[in-house]
N, C-alpha and C. Protein backbone atom coordinates (compact mmCIF):
# COMPACT_ATOMS: atom_id res chain seq x y z
N MET A 1 47.82 48.34 12.01
CA MET A 1 47.44 47.07 11.34
C MET A 1 48.30 46.05 11.56
N ALA A 2 48.01 45.02 12.18
CA ALA A 2 49.03 43.73 12.30
C ALA A 2 49.08 43.02 10.97
N PRO A 3 50.19 42.50 10.58
CA PRO A 3 50.29 41.74 9.33
C PRO A 3 49.52 40.38 9.54
N LYS A 4 49.02 40.11 8.31
CA LYS A 4 48.23 38.89 8.31
C LYS A 4 49.02 37.64 8.42
N LYS A 5 48.40 36.60 9.33
CA LYS A 5 49.15 35.46 9.31
C LYS A 5 48.87 34.58 7.99
N PRO A 6 49.87 33.79 7.44
CA PRO A 6 49.56 33.01 6.28
C PRO A 6 48.50 32.01 6.61
N GLU A 7 47.67 32.01 5.78
CA GLU A 7 46.59 30.88 6.05
C GLU A 7 47.10 29.47 5.89
N THR A 8 46.72 28.59 6.77
CA THR A 8 47.26 27.32 6.59
C THR A 8 46.06 26.60 6.33
N ARG A 9 46.32 25.84 5.10
CA ARG A 9 45.17 25.03 4.53
C ARG A 9 44.98 23.65 5.04
N LYS A 10 43.92 23.38 5.60
CA LYS A 10 43.65 22.08 6.09
C LYS A 10 42.98 21.26 4.86
N GLU A 11 43.48 20.16 4.78
CA GLU A 11 43.13 19.28 3.71
C GLU A 11 41.85 18.57 4.34
N ALA A 12 40.88 18.55 3.47
CA ALA A 12 39.61 17.93 3.88
C ALA A 12 39.93 16.34 3.93
N THR A 13 39.62 15.83 5.09
CA THR A 13 39.84 14.35 5.27
C THR A 13 38.72 13.75 4.73
N ARG A 14 38.75 12.66 3.87
CA ARG A 14 37.52 11.86 3.46
C ARG A 14 37.48 10.69 4.12
N PRO A 15 36.12 10.34 4.58
CA PRO A 15 36.03 9.20 5.29
C PRO A 15 36.48 7.83 4.51
N ALA A 16 36.95 6.89 5.05
CA ALA A 16 37.52 5.85 4.26
C ALA A 16 36.22 5.10 3.69
N PRO A 17 36.42 4.60 2.54
CA PRO A 17 35.14 4.09 1.77
C PRO A 17 34.83 2.81 2.52
N GLU A 18 33.41 2.58 2.68
CA GLU A 18 32.90 1.57 3.34
C GLU A 18 33.28 0.23 2.61
N PRO A 19 33.58 -0.84 3.31
CA PRO A 19 33.78 -2.17 2.62
C PRO A 19 32.66 -2.61 2.12
N GLU A 20 32.86 -3.27 0.91
CA GLU A 20 31.51 -3.83 0.31
C GLU A 20 31.15 -4.95 1.06
N PRO A 21 29.90 -5.24 1.38
CA PRO A 21 29.36 -6.33 2.01
C PRO A 21 29.79 -7.65 1.34
N ALA A 22 30.01 -8.64 2.05
CA ALA A 22 30.62 -10.01 1.59
C ALA A 22 29.39 -10.51 0.56
N LYS A 23 29.79 -10.68 -0.60
CA LYS A 23 28.91 -11.08 -1.65
C LYS A 23 28.58 -12.67 -1.63
N GLU A 24 27.37 -13.02 -1.38
CA GLU A 24 27.20 -14.59 -1.44
C GLU A 24 27.65 -15.04 -2.78
N PRO A 25 28.23 -16.21 -2.73
CA PRO A 25 28.63 -16.90 -4.08
C PRO A 25 27.31 -17.18 -4.86
N ASP A 26 27.40 -17.12 -6.25
CA ASP A 26 26.47 -17.55 -7.08
C ASP A 26 26.04 -19.00 -7.00
N PHE A 27 24.72 -19.23 -7.03
CA PHE A 27 24.26 -20.62 -6.97
C PHE A 27 24.66 -21.44 -8.14
N ASP A 28 25.21 -22.52 -8.10
CA ASP A 28 25.59 -23.65 -9.07
C ASP A 28 24.91 -24.89 -9.01
N PRO A 29 23.94 -24.93 -9.94
CA PRO A 29 23.03 -26.11 -9.79
C PRO A 29 23.74 -27.37 -9.98
N HIS A 30 24.87 -27.32 -10.75
CA HIS A 30 25.64 -28.46 -11.17
C HIS A 30 26.51 -28.91 -9.78
N SER A 31 26.56 -28.20 -8.77
CA SER A 31 27.43 -28.53 -7.65
C SER A 31 26.56 -29.26 -6.52
N ILE A 32 25.19 -29.23 -6.84
CA ILE A 32 24.32 -29.84 -6.00
C ILE A 32 24.18 -31.35 -6.05
N GLN A 33 24.36 -32.01 -5.11
CA GLN A 33 24.25 -33.52 -5.24
C GLN A 33 22.75 -33.64 -4.64
N ILE A 34 21.91 -34.42 -5.65
CA ILE A 34 20.64 -34.70 -5.30
C ILE A 34 20.46 -35.89 -4.28
N LYS A 35 19.92 -35.66 -3.27
CA LYS A 35 19.61 -36.66 -2.21
C LYS A 35 18.40 -37.18 -1.97
N PHE A 36 17.39 -36.72 -2.82
CA PHE A 36 16.10 -37.20 -2.66
C PHE A 36 15.89 -38.66 -3.17
N SER A 37 14.97 -39.45 -2.46
CA SER A 37 14.64 -40.68 -3.18
C SER A 37 14.08 -40.77 -4.44
N SER A 38 14.06 -41.80 -5.08
CA SER A 38 13.18 -41.97 -6.43
C SER A 38 11.81 -41.65 -6.32
N ASP A 39 11.18 -42.13 -5.31
CA ASP A 39 9.81 -41.85 -4.95
C ASP A 39 9.56 -40.40 -4.74
N GLN A 40 10.44 -39.71 -4.08
CA GLN A 40 10.13 -38.37 -3.85
C GLN A 40 10.35 -37.39 -5.05
N ILE A 41 11.27 -37.95 -5.79
CA ILE A 41 11.49 -37.17 -7.29
C ILE A 41 10.34 -37.44 -7.99
N GLU A 42 9.70 -38.73 -7.91
CA GLU A 42 8.47 -38.95 -8.78
C GLU A 42 7.40 -37.96 -8.29
N GLU A 43 7.33 -37.96 -7.06
CA GLU A 43 6.34 -37.09 -6.27
C GLU A 43 6.44 -35.46 -6.81
N PHE A 44 7.65 -35.11 -6.62
CA PHE A 44 8.11 -33.85 -7.04
C PHE A 44 7.66 -33.47 -8.55
N ARG A 45 7.93 -34.34 -9.46
CA ARG A 45 7.65 -34.33 -10.77
C ARG A 45 6.29 -34.22 -11.19
N GLU A 46 5.51 -34.88 -10.49
CA GLU A 46 4.04 -34.75 -10.58
C GLU A 46 3.30 -33.47 -10.15
N ALA A 47 4.04 -33.05 -9.05
CA ALA A 47 3.59 -31.65 -8.54
C ALA A 47 3.94 -30.57 -9.50
N PHE A 48 5.41 -30.69 -10.07
CA PHE A 48 5.93 -29.73 -10.94
C PHE A 48 4.86 -29.75 -12.29
N GLN A 49 4.43 -30.74 -12.65
CA GLN A 49 3.79 -30.90 -14.02
C GLN A 49 2.41 -30.12 -13.59
N LEU A 50 1.90 -30.22 -12.56
CA LEU A 50 0.55 -29.34 -12.24
C LEU A 50 0.75 -27.84 -12.42
N PHE A 51 1.92 -27.45 -12.46
CA PHE A 51 2.24 -25.80 -12.50
C PHE A 51 2.60 -25.71 -14.01
N ASP A 52 2.87 -26.62 -14.88
CA ASP A 52 3.28 -26.55 -16.14
C ASP A 52 2.17 -25.85 -17.11
N ARG A 53 2.41 -24.83 -17.63
CA ARG A 53 1.24 -24.21 -18.45
C ARG A 53 1.83 -24.06 -19.84
N THR A 54 2.94 -24.84 -20.23
CA THR A 54 3.34 -24.81 -21.66
C THR A 54 2.47 -25.67 -22.43
N PRO A 55 2.35 -25.36 -23.72
CA PRO A 55 1.59 -26.13 -24.70
C PRO A 55 2.12 -27.54 -24.79
N GLY A 56 1.34 -28.56 -24.56
CA GLY A 56 1.87 -29.89 -24.73
C GLY A 56 2.75 -30.45 -23.46
N ASN A 57 2.42 -29.81 -22.41
CA ASN A 57 3.10 -29.97 -21.12
C ASN A 57 4.67 -30.49 -21.44
N GLN A 58 5.50 -29.52 -21.65
CA GLN A 58 6.69 -29.72 -21.99
C GLN A 58 7.63 -29.86 -20.61
N MET A 59 7.04 -29.84 -19.62
CA MET A 59 7.80 -29.91 -18.12
C MET A 59 8.60 -28.72 -17.99
N ASN A 60 7.97 -27.51 -18.20
CA ASN A 60 8.56 -26.22 -17.97
C ASN A 60 7.75 -25.19 -17.17
N ILE A 61 8.33 -24.47 -16.15
CA ILE A 61 7.42 -23.52 -15.36
C ILE A 61 8.17 -22.18 -15.65
N SER A 62 7.40 -21.13 -15.33
CA SER A 62 8.22 -19.78 -15.43
C SER A 62 8.81 -19.50 -14.15
N TYR A 63 9.79 -18.75 -14.11
CA TYR A 63 10.76 -18.36 -13.15
C TYR A 63 9.80 -17.95 -11.80
N SER A 64 8.82 -17.34 -12.25
CA SER A 64 7.86 -16.68 -11.37
C SER A 64 7.06 -17.60 -10.44
N GLN A 65 7.00 -18.91 -11.00
CA GLN A 65 6.25 -20.08 -10.30
C GLN A 65 7.15 -21.00 -9.43
N CYS A 66 8.55 -20.61 -9.53
CA CYS A 66 9.60 -21.74 -8.80
C CYS A 66 9.24 -21.58 -7.45
N GLY A 67 9.01 -20.27 -6.66
CA GLY A 67 8.71 -20.27 -5.28
C GLY A 67 7.45 -20.96 -5.00
N ASP A 68 6.41 -20.85 -5.70
CA ASP A 68 5.14 -21.45 -5.48
C ASP A 68 5.36 -23.03 -5.38
N VAL A 69 6.06 -23.64 -6.57
CA VAL A 69 6.13 -24.95 -6.38
C VAL A 69 6.96 -25.45 -5.28
N MET A 70 8.09 -24.74 -5.10
CA MET A 70 8.95 -25.07 -3.81
C MET A 70 7.91 -25.30 -2.64
N ARG A 71 7.20 -24.19 -2.47
CA ARG A 71 6.20 -24.08 -1.23
C ARG A 71 5.13 -25.15 -1.26
N ALA A 72 4.62 -25.65 -2.44
CA ALA A 72 3.71 -26.79 -2.71
C ALA A 72 4.44 -28.14 -2.39
N LEU A 73 5.82 -28.05 -2.44
CA LEU A 73 6.44 -29.27 -2.00
C LEU A 73 6.99 -29.26 -0.57
N GLY A 74 6.46 -28.36 0.32
CA GLY A 74 6.88 -28.22 1.66
C GLY A 74 8.09 -27.57 2.01
N GLN A 75 8.60 -26.76 1.20
CA GLN A 75 9.62 -25.83 1.52
C GLN A 75 9.10 -24.56 1.81
N ASN A 76 9.90 -23.64 2.61
CA ASN A 76 9.41 -22.34 2.57
C ASN A 76 10.48 -21.31 2.51
N PRO A 77 10.85 -21.14 1.25
CA PRO A 77 12.13 -20.36 0.80
C PRO A 77 11.32 -18.90 0.80
N THR A 78 12.42 -17.84 1.33
CA THR A 78 12.08 -16.59 1.06
C THR A 78 12.11 -16.13 -0.44
N ASN A 79 11.45 -14.99 -0.80
CA ASN A 79 11.53 -14.62 -2.21
C ASN A 79 13.10 -14.26 -2.56
N ALA A 80 13.87 -14.00 -1.77
CA ALA A 80 15.37 -13.55 -2.00
C ALA A 80 16.21 -14.96 -2.21
N GLU A 81 15.82 -16.02 -1.48
CA GLU A 81 16.35 -17.54 -1.64
C GLU A 81 15.95 -17.95 -3.20
N VAL A 82 14.64 -17.74 -3.49
CA VAL A 82 14.19 -18.19 -4.78
C VAL A 82 15.01 -17.47 -5.99
N HIS A 83 15.22 -16.00 -5.65
CA HIS A 83 15.61 -15.08 -6.83
C HIS A 83 17.18 -15.64 -6.73
N ARG A 84 17.80 -15.95 -5.75
CA ARG A 84 19.29 -16.49 -5.78
C ARG A 84 19.54 -17.60 -6.56
N VAL A 85 18.66 -18.66 -6.21
CA VAL A 85 18.78 -20.01 -7.00
C VAL A 85 18.44 -19.80 -8.28
N LEU A 86 17.69 -18.84 -8.80
CA LEU A 86 17.36 -18.69 -10.14
C LEU A 86 18.45 -17.75 -10.91
N GLY A 87 19.47 -17.35 -10.17
CA GLY A 87 20.42 -16.60 -10.61
C GLY A 87 20.31 -15.18 -10.79
N ARG A 88 19.46 -14.70 -9.88
CA ARG A 88 19.20 -13.23 -9.75
C ARG A 88 18.71 -12.49 -11.09
N PRO A 89 17.64 -13.18 -11.64
CA PRO A 89 17.01 -12.70 -12.91
C PRO A 89 16.41 -11.33 -12.80
N LYS A 90 16.37 -10.66 -13.82
CA LYS A 90 15.64 -9.17 -13.98
C LYS A 90 14.14 -9.48 -13.74
N THR A 91 13.46 -8.45 -13.31
CA THR A 91 12.04 -8.66 -12.99
C THR A 91 11.18 -9.03 -14.21
N GLU A 92 11.63 -8.32 -15.29
CA GLU A 92 10.93 -8.63 -16.72
C GLU A 92 11.09 -9.95 -17.04
N ASP A 93 12.34 -10.82 -16.43
CA ASP A 93 12.24 -12.06 -17.02
C ASP A 93 11.60 -13.23 -16.18
N MET A 94 11.05 -12.70 -15.00
CA MET A 94 10.35 -13.67 -14.10
C MET A 94 9.15 -14.46 -14.83
N ASP A 95 8.34 -13.80 -15.51
CA ASP A 95 7.25 -14.31 -16.40
C ASP A 95 7.72 -14.96 -17.70
N SER A 96 8.76 -14.49 -18.23
CA SER A 96 9.01 -15.06 -19.58
C SER A 96 10.03 -16.04 -19.61
N LYS A 97 10.85 -16.30 -18.68
CA LYS A 97 11.88 -17.20 -18.86
C LYS A 97 11.35 -18.50 -18.10
N LEU A 98 11.87 -19.62 -18.64
CA LEU A 98 11.21 -21.01 -18.20
C LEU A 98 12.31 -21.76 -17.57
N VAL A 99 12.00 -22.81 -16.73
CA VAL A 99 12.87 -23.61 -16.10
C VAL A 99 12.33 -25.01 -16.16
N ASP A 100 13.04 -25.99 -16.61
CA ASP A 100 12.72 -27.32 -16.67
C ASP A 100 12.77 -28.09 -15.40
N PHE A 101 12.29 -29.24 -15.26
CA PHE A 101 12.22 -30.14 -14.03
C PHE A 101 13.65 -30.43 -13.73
N GLU A 102 14.36 -30.77 -14.68
CA GLU A 102 15.92 -31.34 -14.30
C GLU A 102 16.75 -30.19 -13.83
N THR A 103 16.40 -28.80 -14.18
CA THR A 103 17.02 -27.80 -13.63
C THR A 103 16.43 -27.31 -12.21
N PHE A 104 15.17 -27.56 -12.23
CA PHE A 104 14.42 -27.08 -10.85
C PHE A 104 14.84 -28.04 -9.79
N LEU A 105 15.05 -29.38 -9.89
CA LEU A 105 15.34 -30.42 -8.75
C LEU A 105 16.61 -29.85 -7.95
N PRO A 106 17.72 -29.43 -8.55
CA PRO A 106 18.82 -29.06 -7.66
C PRO A 106 18.46 -27.64 -7.04
N MET A 107 17.70 -26.80 -7.53
CA MET A 107 17.20 -25.66 -6.77
C MET A 107 16.49 -26.13 -5.61
N LEU A 108 15.69 -27.02 -5.69
CA LEU A 108 14.79 -27.64 -4.58
C LEU A 108 15.53 -28.30 -3.57
N GLN A 109 16.58 -29.04 -3.90
CA GLN A 109 17.65 -29.59 -3.05
C GLN A 109 18.27 -28.59 -2.33
N HIS A 110 18.68 -27.48 -2.95
CA HIS A 110 19.41 -26.40 -2.26
C HIS A 110 18.65 -25.92 -1.11
N VAL A 111 17.38 -25.63 -1.49
CA VAL A 111 16.43 -24.98 -0.47
C VAL A 111 16.17 -25.79 0.51
N ALA A 112 15.97 -26.96 0.32
CA ALA A 112 15.67 -28.03 1.23
C ALA A 112 16.79 -28.23 2.23
N GLN A 113 18.07 -28.12 1.69
CA GLN A 113 19.22 -28.43 2.82
C GLN A 113 19.50 -27.16 3.55
N SER A 114 19.22 -25.84 2.90
CA SER A 114 19.56 -24.63 3.65
C SER A 114 18.41 -24.03 4.49
N LYS A 115 17.53 -24.94 5.01
CA LYS A 115 16.29 -24.56 5.74
C LYS A 115 17.08 -23.80 7.15
N ASP A 116 16.63 -22.66 7.24
CA ASP A 116 16.93 -21.88 8.51
C ASP A 116 15.99 -22.26 9.58
N GLN A 117 16.43 -22.92 10.48
CA GLN A 117 15.35 -23.37 11.60
C GLN A 117 15.31 -22.36 12.82
N GLY A 118 16.07 -21.30 12.74
CA GLY A 118 16.04 -20.33 13.83
C GLY A 118 16.82 -20.66 15.00
N THR A 119 17.27 -19.86 15.68
CA THR A 119 18.01 -20.06 17.00
C THR A 119 17.17 -20.01 18.07
N TYR A 120 17.86 -20.37 19.33
CA TYR A 120 17.36 -20.00 20.50
C TYR A 120 16.93 -18.68 20.75
N GLU A 121 17.92 -17.81 20.31
CA GLU A 121 17.75 -16.38 20.53
C GLU A 121 16.66 -15.72 19.87
N ASP A 122 16.42 -16.38 18.45
CA ASP A 122 15.49 -15.98 17.61
C ASP A 122 13.95 -16.24 18.24
N PHE A 123 13.84 -17.44 18.81
CA PHE A 123 12.80 -17.77 19.42
C PHE A 123 12.23 -16.92 20.67
N VAL A 124 13.42 -16.98 21.49
CA VAL A 124 13.05 -16.10 22.74
C VAL A 124 12.88 -14.52 22.34
N GLU A 125 13.38 -14.10 21.41
CA GLU A 125 13.22 -12.52 21.10
C GLU A 125 11.67 -12.61 20.45
N GLY A 126 11.17 -13.55 19.80
CA GLY A 126 9.89 -13.63 19.29
C GLY A 126 8.82 -13.68 20.50
N LEU A 127 9.11 -14.37 21.41
CA LEU A 127 8.37 -14.54 22.78
C LEU A 127 8.26 -13.32 23.49
N ARG A 128 9.39 -12.75 23.55
CA ARG A 128 9.62 -11.49 24.33
C ARG A 128 8.63 -10.38 24.00
N VAL A 129 8.21 -10.34 22.91
CA VAL A 129 7.09 -9.42 22.39
C VAL A 129 5.93 -9.40 23.16
N PHE A 130 5.42 -10.75 23.70
CA PHE A 130 4.37 -10.94 24.43
C PHE A 130 4.54 -10.76 25.99
N ASP A 131 5.73 -10.51 26.34
CA ASP A 131 6.03 -10.30 27.59
C ASP A 131 5.84 -9.04 28.24
N LYS A 132 4.44 -8.67 28.58
CA LYS A 132 4.25 -7.31 28.81
C LYS A 132 4.74 -6.71 30.07
N GLU A 133 5.00 -7.56 31.03
CA GLU A 133 5.63 -7.10 32.22
C GLU A 133 7.13 -7.12 32.27
N GLY A 134 7.76 -7.65 31.42
CA GLY A 134 9.21 -7.80 31.14
C GLY A 134 9.66 -8.59 32.26
N ASN A 135 8.97 -9.70 32.76
CA ASN A 135 9.67 -10.46 33.75
C ASN A 135 10.07 -11.96 33.37
N GLY A 136 10.04 -12.11 32.07
CA GLY A 136 10.46 -13.43 31.52
C GLY A 136 9.39 -14.42 31.27
N THR A 137 8.18 -13.96 31.48
CA THR A 137 6.94 -14.93 31.27
C THR A 137 6.05 -14.29 30.21
N VAL A 138 5.19 -15.22 29.63
CA VAL A 138 4.12 -14.71 29.01
C VAL A 138 2.75 -15.43 29.31
N MET A 139 1.70 -14.94 29.09
CA MET A 139 0.41 -15.42 29.58
C MET A 139 0.16 -16.74 28.70
N GLY A 140 -0.05 -17.92 29.22
CA GLY A 140 -0.20 -19.23 28.66
C GLY A 140 -1.58 -19.00 27.62
N ALA A 141 -2.61 -18.15 27.82
CA ALA A 141 -3.76 -18.12 27.01
C ALA A 141 -3.39 -17.35 25.85
N GLU A 142 -2.57 -16.46 25.95
CA GLU A 142 -2.05 -15.61 24.83
C GLU A 142 -1.27 -16.47 23.86
N LEU A 143 -0.35 -17.21 24.44
CA LEU A 143 0.41 -18.28 23.51
C LEU A 143 -0.33 -19.26 22.97
N ARG A 144 -1.28 -19.95 23.73
CA ARG A 144 -2.23 -20.80 23.12
C ARG A 144 -2.98 -20.25 21.99
N HIS A 145 -3.51 -19.03 22.04
CA HIS A 145 -4.17 -18.37 20.92
C HIS A 145 -3.25 -18.13 19.73
N VAL A 146 -2.00 -17.63 19.83
CA VAL A 146 -1.16 -17.50 18.90
C VAL A 146 -0.81 -18.81 18.19
N LEU A 147 -0.59 -19.78 18.99
CA LEU A 147 -0.15 -21.10 18.28
C LEU A 147 -1.23 -21.75 17.57
N ALA A 148 -2.46 -21.41 17.95
CA ALA A 148 -3.70 -21.97 17.32
C ALA A 148 -4.26 -21.43 16.16
N THR A 149 -3.98 -19.95 15.99
CA THR A 149 -4.45 -19.04 14.95
C THR A 149 -3.57 -18.45 14.02
N LEU A 150 -2.28 -18.38 14.17
CA LEU A 150 -1.26 -17.78 13.28
C LEU A 150 -0.25 -18.92 12.80
N GLY A 151 0.28 -18.41 11.72
CA GLY A 151 1.27 -19.20 10.94
C GLY A 151 0.86 -20.59 10.76
N GLU A 152 1.54 -21.78 10.97
CA GLU A 152 1.24 -22.93 10.74
C GLU A 152 0.45 -23.32 12.00
N LYS A 153 -0.94 -23.10 11.81
CA LYS A 153 -1.84 -23.34 13.14
C LYS A 153 -1.88 -24.85 13.55
N MET A 154 -1.88 -24.68 14.90
CA MET A 154 -1.90 -26.09 15.73
C MET A 154 -3.28 -26.28 16.10
N SER A 155 -3.52 -27.69 16.33
CA SER A 155 -4.88 -27.99 16.92
C SER A 155 -4.77 -27.56 18.62
N GLU A 156 -5.94 -27.69 19.03
CA GLU A 156 -6.07 -27.37 20.45
C GLU A 156 -5.07 -28.57 21.28
N GLY A 157 -5.36 -29.80 20.79
CA GLY A 157 -4.78 -30.88 21.25
C GLY A 157 -3.30 -30.75 21.21
N GLU A 158 -2.73 -30.30 20.02
CA GLU A 158 -1.31 -30.13 19.83
C GLU A 158 -0.78 -29.03 20.78
N VAL A 159 -1.57 -27.90 20.92
CA VAL A 159 -1.07 -26.92 21.78
C VAL A 159 -1.10 -27.27 23.22
N ASP A 160 -2.03 -27.97 23.68
CA ASP A 160 -2.26 -28.56 25.04
C ASP A 160 -0.91 -29.38 25.41
N GLU A 161 -0.76 -30.19 24.50
CA GLU A 161 0.52 -31.32 24.69
C GLU A 161 1.73 -30.52 24.76
N LEU A 162 1.95 -29.54 23.95
CA LEU A 162 3.14 -28.48 23.84
C LEU A 162 3.31 -27.77 25.29
N LEU A 163 2.31 -27.30 25.64
CA LEU A 163 2.37 -26.35 26.78
C LEU A 163 2.32 -26.98 28.14
N ARG A 164 1.92 -28.43 28.11
CA ARG A 164 1.60 -29.20 29.23
C ARG A 164 2.97 -29.06 30.32
N GLY A 165 2.73 -28.69 31.56
CA GLY A 165 3.56 -28.57 32.38
C GLY A 165 4.64 -27.33 32.51
N HIS A 166 4.08 -26.45 31.66
CA HIS A 166 4.95 -25.09 31.54
C HIS A 166 4.23 -23.87 32.19
N GLU A 167 2.87 -24.18 32.41
CA GLU A 167 2.28 -22.96 33.02
C GLU A 167 2.37 -23.04 34.49
N ASP A 168 2.59 -21.74 35.24
CA ASP A 168 2.64 -21.81 36.56
C ASP A 168 1.30 -21.67 37.29
N VAL A 169 1.08 -21.38 38.47
CA VAL A 169 -0.33 -21.39 39.05
C VAL A 169 -1.02 -20.16 38.54
N ASN A 170 -0.44 -19.09 38.07
CA ASN A 170 -0.92 -17.92 37.49
C ASN A 170 -1.34 -17.93 35.95
N GLY A 171 -1.06 -19.10 35.41
CA GLY A 171 -1.25 -19.38 33.86
C GLY A 171 -0.10 -18.76 33.03
N CYS A 172 0.95 -18.40 33.60
CA CYS A 172 2.24 -17.95 33.02
C CYS A 172 3.24 -18.82 32.50
N ILE A 173 3.90 -18.67 31.51
CA ILE A 173 5.00 -19.64 30.95
C ILE A 173 6.24 -18.74 31.02
N ASN A 174 7.39 -19.35 31.52
CA ASN A 174 8.70 -18.93 31.46
C ASN A 174 9.09 -19.25 29.99
N TYR A 175 9.25 -18.29 29.20
CA TYR A 175 9.34 -18.55 27.83
C TYR A 175 10.86 -19.02 27.44
N GLU A 176 11.81 -18.58 28.21
CA GLU A 176 13.19 -19.11 27.98
C GLU A 176 13.24 -20.58 28.31
N ALA A 177 12.80 -20.99 29.45
CA ALA A 177 12.65 -22.35 29.78
C ALA A 177 11.81 -23.32 28.72
N PHE A 178 10.70 -22.72 28.35
CA PHE A 178 9.96 -23.29 27.38
C PHE A 178 10.63 -23.43 25.93
N VAL A 179 11.44 -22.32 25.61
CA VAL A 179 12.09 -22.63 24.26
C VAL A 179 13.19 -23.78 24.49
N LYS A 180 14.06 -23.61 25.59
CA LYS A 180 14.92 -24.60 25.82
C LYS A 180 14.34 -26.04 25.78
N HIS A 181 13.27 -26.35 26.34
CA HIS A 181 12.58 -27.52 26.46
C HIS A 181 12.04 -28.05 24.92
N ILE A 182 11.74 -27.04 24.07
CA ILE A 182 11.19 -27.32 22.68
C ILE A 182 12.47 -27.65 22.06
N MET A 183 13.45 -26.86 22.04
CA MET A 183 14.68 -27.11 21.19
C MET A 183 15.40 -28.40 21.53
N ALA A 184 15.20 -28.80 22.84
CA ALA A 184 15.85 -30.11 23.16
C ALA A 184 15.28 -31.32 22.72
N GLY A 185 13.98 -30.97 22.15
CA GLY A 185 13.28 -32.13 21.46
C GLY A 185 12.45 -32.95 22.35
């Protein structure tokens, strides 16, 4: 019998810990400069008051109402954005904690300033879903239907004006050229 070779121990290699994702800085309402006009602020105050359910209209709304009020005032924040400007409260605090108008205004200003308008690539990718043949075009009729029935619905007249000159003889629209035209204003 041959002598045993001494066992060489291989140390288990641990994978390097994954770096933590960059943490977005906390929202500081005191760092926001209010750029709304006095007329706008008065309009916002009136809308805010409509959501106030406190006895004696103390100009307070619950945390859970903040997103609704922002949307009523023409903004479209995600729930994550609303949660961030509120200081990432616990779920149980959403209905119990209140925010007053003076605290709400910088939150609204921040959301209004940080509107994500979408990029060229975002819009092209969205329209590519309708490109059934993969040739860079979408059916004009299908795009008309989507614009008139989904999201912020457009009137037929608005859709006609928007698509005028973009349809080829087959009723198709080159969506990359269309997006470039729209984004150019």
